[in-house]
C-alpha atoms as a PDB file:
ATOM      1  CA  SER A   1      13.084 -81.688  71.529  1.00  0.00           C
ATOM      2  CA  MET A   2      11.336 -84.892  70.579  1.00  0.00           C
ATOM      3  CA  LYS A   3      11.442 -86.283  67.059  1.00  0.00           C
ATOM      4  CA  ILE A   4       9.381 -88.877  65.246  1.00  0.00           C
ATOM      5  CA  GLY A   5      11.236 -92.185  65.389  1.00  0.00           C
ATOM      6  CA  GLN A   6      13.041 -91.306  68.606  1.00  0.00           C
ATOM      7  CA  ILE A   7      13.518 -94.144  71.074  1.00  0.00           C
ATOM      8  CA  VAL A   8      12.223 -93.633  74.599  1.00  0.00           C
ATOM      9  CA  TYR A   9      11.984 -95.875  77.642  1.00  0.00           C
ATOM     10  CA  SER A  10       8.896 -96.022  79.761  1.00  0.00           C
ATOM     11  CA  LYS A  11       9.414 -95.202  83.452  1.00  0.00           C
ATOM     12  CA  ALA A  12       5.872 -95.998  84.518  1.00  0.00           C
ATOM     13  CA  GLY A  13       2.953 -98.224  83.681  1.00  0.00           C
ATOM     14  CA  ARG A  14       2.747-101.780  82.443  1.00  0.00           C
ATOM     15  CA  ASP A  15       5.382-101.069  79.794  1.00  0.00           C
ATOM     16  CA  LYS A  16       7.915 -99.890  82.382  1.00  0.00           C
ATOM     17  CA  GLY A  17      11.492-100.411  81.207  1.00  0.00           C
ATOM     18  CA  TYR A  18      10.477-101.093  77.626  1.00  0.00           C
ATOM     19  CA  ALA A  19      11.896 -99.343  74.601  1.00  0.00           C
ATOM     20  CA  LEU A  20       9.257 -97.585  72.513  1.00  0.00           C
ATOM     21  CA  ALA A  21       9.452 -95.545  69.325  1.00  0.00           C
ATOM     22  CA  VAL A  22       7.768 -92.147  69.111  1.00  0.00           C
ATOM     23  CA  ILE A  23       5.336 -91.929  66.204  1.00  0.00           C
ATOM     24  CA  ALA A  24       3.403 -88.782  67.076  1.00  0.00           C
ATOM     25  CA  ILE A  25       3.960 -85.781  69.309  1.00  0.00           C
ATOM     26  CA  SER A  26       1.261 -83.794  71.073  1.00  0.00           C
ATOM     27  CA  PRO A  27       1.478 -80.835  73.466  1.00  0.00           C
ATOM     28  CA  LYS A  28       0.806 -83.109  76.453  1.00  0.00           C
ATOM     29  CA  GLY A  29       3.062 -86.007  75.535  1.00  0.00           C
ATOM     30  CA  ILE A  30       3.844 -88.495  72.829  1.00  0.00           C
ATOM     31  CA  PHE A  31       2.321 -91.520  71.165  1.00  0.00           C
ATOM     32  CA  ALA A  32       4.617 -94.523  71.182  1.00  0.00           C
ATOM     33  CA  VAL A  33       4.648 -97.994  69.666  1.00  0.00           C
ATOM     34  CA  ASP A  34       6.761-101.127  70.036  1.00  0.00           C
ATOM     35  CA  GLY A  35       5.358-103.289  67.240  1.00  0.00           C
ATOM     36  CA  LYS A  36       4.230-105.973  69.666  1.00  0.00           C
ATOM     37  CA  LYS A  37       2.020-105.005  72.604  1.00  0.00           C
ATOM     38  CA  ARG A  38       1.663-101.606  70.979  1.00  0.00           C
ATOM     39  CA  PRO A  39       1.325-102.047  67.225  1.00  0.00           C
ATOM     40  CA  LEU A  40       1.413 -99.090  64.844  1.00  0.00           C
ATOM     41  CA  GLU A  41      -2.385 -99.261  64.617  1.00  0.00           C
ATOM     42  CA  ARG A  42      -2.746 -98.724  68.360  1.00  0.00           C
ATOM     43  CA  PRO A  43      -0.160 -96.255  69.670  1.00  0.00           C
ATOM     44  CA  LYS A  44       0.032 -95.623  73.403  1.00  0.00           C
ATOM     45  CA  PHE A  45      -0.114 -92.087  74.755  1.00  0.00           C
ATOM     46  CA  LYS A  46       2.721 -91.436  77.195  1.00  0.00           C
ATOM     47  CA  ASN A  47       3.224 -88.438  79.430  1.00  0.00           C
ATOM     48  CA  LEU A  48       6.707 -86.964  78.980  1.00  0.00           C
ATOM     49  CA  LYS A  49       7.433 -87.193  82.686  1.00  0.00           C
ATOM     50  CA  HIS A  50       7.008 -90.969  82.478  1.00  0.00           C
ATOM     51  CA  LEU A  51       9.728 -91.333  79.846  1.00  0.00           C
ATOM     52  CA  VAL A  52      13.471 -91.649  79.651  1.00  0.00           C
ATOM     53  CA  VAL A  53      14.374 -90.029  76.344  1.00  0.00           C
ATOM     54  CA  THR A  54      17.362 -91.347  74.399  1.00  0.00           C
ATOM     55  CA  ASP A  55      19.396 -89.782  71.620  1.00  0.00           C
ATOM     56  CA  TYR A  56      18.675 -92.719  69.323  1.00  0.00           C
ATOM     57  CA  CYS A  57      16.353 -92.156  66.426  1.00  0.00           C
ATOM     58  CA  LEU A  58      14.985 -94.807  64.074  1.00  0.00           C
ATOM     59  CA  LYS A  59      14.937 -94.157  60.353  1.00  0.00           C
ATOM     60  CA  GLY A  60      11.664 -94.326  58.453  1.00  0.00           C
ATOM     61  CA  GLU A  61      12.168 -97.824  57.108  1.00  0.00           C
ATOM     62  CA  GLU A  62      12.912 -99.073  60.631  1.00  0.00           C
ATOM     63  CA  TYR A  63       9.331 -98.443  61.696  1.00  0.00           C
ATOM     64  CA  ARG A  64       7.420 -98.844  58.442  1.00  0.00           C
ATOM     65  CA  SER A  65       5.798-102.040  59.768  1.00  0.00           C
ATOM     66  CA  ASN A  66       5.331-103.742  63.114  1.00  0.00           C
ATOM     67  CA  LYS A  67       7.795-106.429  62.106  1.00  0.00           C
ATOM     68  CA  ALA A  68      10.444-103.862  61.159  1.00  0.00           C
ATOM     69  CA  LEU A  69       9.767-101.991  64.391  1.00  0.00           C
ATOM     70  CA  ARG A  70      10.180-105.102  66.536  1.00  0.00           C
ATOM     71  CA  SER A  71      13.537-105.938  65.035  1.00  0.00           C
ATOM     72  CA  SER A  72      14.699-102.303  65.212  1.00  0.00           C
ATOM     73  CA  LEU A  73      13.851-102.078  68.907  1.00  0.00           C
ATOM     74  CA  LYS A  74      15.330-105.468  69.786  1.00  0.00           C
ATOM     75  CA  GLY A  75      18.770-104.048  70.432  1.00  0.00           C
ATOM     76  CA  TYR A  76      17.366-101.365  72.702  1.00  0.00           C
ATOM     77  CA  GLN A  77      15.303-103.445  75.114  1.00  0.00           C
ATOM     78  CA  SER A  78      16.441-102.725  78.617  1.00  0.00           C
ATOM     79  CA  LYS A  79      17.794-105.718  80.489  1.00  0.00           C
ATOM     80  CA  ASN A  80      18.330-103.836  83.712  1.00  0.00           C
ATOM     81  CA  ASP A  81      16.246-102.209  86.409  1.00  0.00           C
ATOM     82  CA  GLU A  82      17.347 -98.617  86.074  1.00  0.00           C
ATOM     83  CA  PHE A  83      13.743 -97.469  85.903  1.00  0.00           C
END
């Protein structure tokens, strides 16, 4: 099951292949942010079927601000085309 702070990759849309952090969960999907194109103030709704879910989970301080979020996600950005 999904958790707040979990890292997911987008399989579809303009953010395809990007690592995002889950900040809210709804019955139809999740709201994700990356601190850059998707700041904490403007989360993007993503359908679960458009996501690759990872086992990685950020800790609270890793997404307390957009700057913290950007540096936390840096190591997770996908450099390949597996999507």
